[in-house]
Each structure stands twice: as C-alpha cells, then as structure tokens.
Amino acid sequence: MPQATFVHDGDLIDYTPGADVAAGEVVVQGDLIGVTRSALAANLPGALAVRGVFDFAKNTGVAYTAGQILYWDDTNNVSTATASGNKQIGKVVRAAGATDTTVRIRLSQ
C-alpha cells in the first residue's frame, strides 16, 4: 500500500460553496486561502485557485516591497502585513506604493 498517491498538480482544488460566490473572491478555509477564478453557484461543485499570481486588494497609505509576506484580513477583505489574526496569502511579486489599491501576490501557503 503506497503512503501517498498522486492526484493532480494542485493549482486548483475542489470547492462547493454554500452560497453564490463571484469571480475574484477570496475564500478562507481554515489556514487555506483560495481565489475563485470564475463565479460559483451555490451548492454546485467548482474550484478555487490555490497557486498562481493575483492582484489582491490593499489599503492605501501602506507600501509593500517585493518578497514581503502578506496575509489576508478576512474581516476587512484586504491584504495586510499583520500576521496576527490573519491567514498567510503569499509573497509580494511586484512592489506596491502607498497610493496603490492592489498588490500583486504569488499564492504560497
């Protein structure tokens, strides 16, 4: 009996939402962060991207540098450098200035 069996590359994982979810929504499942690439209908199987590069919402007034680890603030629906109470998204791949409303992050969990 093998200790593990390959299933797939893992860019997408199965997800069945309890309510409709729009494309581009961040979904938090425990410590797993996923992003919907297309709209998902309630109670129907779909998929979440758990690898890739995405532009995430951020607060203005704060800047991020390439390589910085960011977290998802699920209460305010923005990326943040604050780890406490938030879930890790990944690393910044393109610096974002204080006036930018998004930051480009490579998902890594």
Protein backbone atom coordinates (compact mmCIF):
# COMPACT_ATOMS: atom_id res chain seq x y z
CA MET A 1 0.00 0.00 0.00
CA PRO A 2 1.55 3.37 -1.00
CA GLN A 3 1.93 6.09 1.60
CA ALA A 4 0.67 8.66 -0.91
CA THR A 5 -0.91 8.59 -4.36
CA PHE A 6 -0.61 11.48 -6.86
CA VAL A 7 -3.98 13.12 -7.58
CA HIS A 8 -3.19 16.33 -9.53
CA ASP A 9 -0.76 19.29 -9.69
CA GLY A 10 -2.74 21.26 -7.12
CA ASP A 11 -3.24 24.59 -8.87
CA LEU A 12 -6.98 24.21 -8.28
CA ILE A 13 -8.88 22.42 -5.55
CA ASP A 14 -12.50 21.30 -5.42
CA TYR A 15 -14.87 23.67 -3.65
CA THR A 16 -18.64 23.68 -3.27
CA PRO A 17 -19.89 26.98 -1.84
CA GLY A 18 -22.97 27.23 0.36
CA ALA A 19 -23.94 30.50 -1.37
CA ASP A 20 -23.15 32.08 -4.75
CA VAL A 21 -19.57 33.34 -4.95
CA ALA A 22 -18.44 35.94 -7.51
CA ALA A 23 -15.25 35.61 -9.58
CA GLY A 24 -12.24 37.04 -7.80
CA GLU A 25 -13.47 36.33 -4.28
CA VAL A 26 -11.01 35.20 -1.63
CA VAL A 27 -12.20 32.09 0.20
CA VAL A 28 -10.73 31.15 3.57
CA GLN A 29 -10.97 27.52 4.69
CA GLY A 30 -9.04 27.12 7.93
CA ASP A 31 -5.47 28.07 7.00
CA LEU A 32 -6.08 27.54 3.28
CA ILE A 33 -6.61 30.59 1.07
CA GLY A 34 -8.16 30.18 -2.38
CA VAL A 35 -9.40 32.54 -5.07
CA THR A 36 -12.37 31.96 -7.36
CA ARG A 37 -11.34 32.39 -11.00
CA SER A 38 -14.96 32.30 -12.16
CA ALA A 39 -18.33 32.73 -10.46
CA LEU A 40 -19.51 29.69 -8.49
CA ALA A 41 -23.16 28.83 -7.93
CA ALA A 42 -24.38 27.80 -4.51
CA ASN A 43 -24.24 24.08 -3.74
CA LEU A 44 -22.61 23.18 -7.07
CA PRO A 45 -19.04 21.89 -7.33
CA GLY A 46 -16.46 24.34 -8.59
CA ALA A 47 -12.80 25.12 -7.99
CA LEU A 48 -10.55 27.50 -6.10
CA ALA A 49 -7.12 28.56 -7.30
CA VAL A 50 -4.57 27.89 -4.57
CA ARG A 51 -1.50 28.62 -6.71
CA GLY A 52 -0.81 31.47 -9.05
CA VAL A 53 -0.28 35.22 -9.06
CA PHE A 54 -3.17 37.55 -8.24
CA ASP A 55 -3.76 41.23 -7.60
CA PHE A 56 -5.22 41.49 -4.09
CA ALA A 57 -7.00 44.49 -2.60
CA LYS A 58 -4.93 46.54 -0.14
CA ASN A 59 -5.42 49.60 2.00
CA THR A 60 -3.98 52.85 0.69
CA GLY A 61 -1.42 54.57 2.87
CA VAL A 62 0.79 51.48 3.13
CA ALA A 63 3.50 50.28 0.75
CA TYR A 64 4.79 46.74 0.20
CA THR A 65 8.09 45.55 -1.22
CA ALA A 66 8.80 42.56 -3.46
CA GLY A 67 9.37 39.43 -1.43
CA GLN A 68 7.36 40.63 1.56
CA ILE A 69 4.99 38.05 3.11
CA LEU A 70 1.38 39.24 3.26
CA TYR A 71 -1.75 37.96 4.98
CA TRP A 72 -5.48 38.07 4.27
CA ASP A 73 -7.64 40.16 6.60
CA ASP A 74 -10.96 38.36 6.08
CA THR A 75 -12.86 40.92 8.18
CA ASN A 76 -11.86 43.90 6.02
CA ASN A 77 -11.23 41.94 2.79
CA VAL A 78 -7.74 43.32 2.19
CA SER A 79 -4.18 42.07 2.21
CA THR A 80 -2.04 43.16 5.14
CA ALA A 81 1.41 42.75 6.65
CA THR A 82 -0.22 41.96 10.01
CA ALA A 83 0.07 38.25 10.75
CA SER A 84 -1.91 38.23 13.99
CA GLY A 85 -5.47 37.03 13.40
CA ASN A 86 -4.96 36.74 9.64
CA LYS A 87 -4.09 33.93 7.19
CA GLN A 88 -0.93 33.92 5.09
CA ILE A 89 -1.53 34.57 1.37
CA GLY A 90 1.98 34.52 -0.03
CA LYS A 91 4.74 36.86 -1.17
CA VAL A 92 4.62 40.17 -2.99
CA VAL A 93 5.99 39.82 -6.54
CA ARG A 94 5.67 43.48 -7.55
CA ALA A 95 6.17 46.36 -5.14
CA ALA A 96 3.04 48.39 -4.35
CA GLY A 97 3.13 52.05 -3.38
CA ALA A 98 1.09 53.75 -0.68
CA THR A 99 -1.42 55.09 -3.21
CA ASP A 100 -1.97 51.73 -4.94
CA THR A 101 -5.24 49.94 -4.23
CA THR A 102 -3.90 46.46 -5.11
CA VAL A 103 -0.75 44.45 -4.59
CA ARG A 104 0.44 41.54 -6.75
CA ILE A 105 0.99 38.38 -4.71
CA ARG A 106 2.10 34.86 -5.57
CA LEU A 107 -0.02 32.46 -3.55
CA SER A 108 2.11 30.27 -1.32
CA GLN A 109 0.81 28.52 1.73
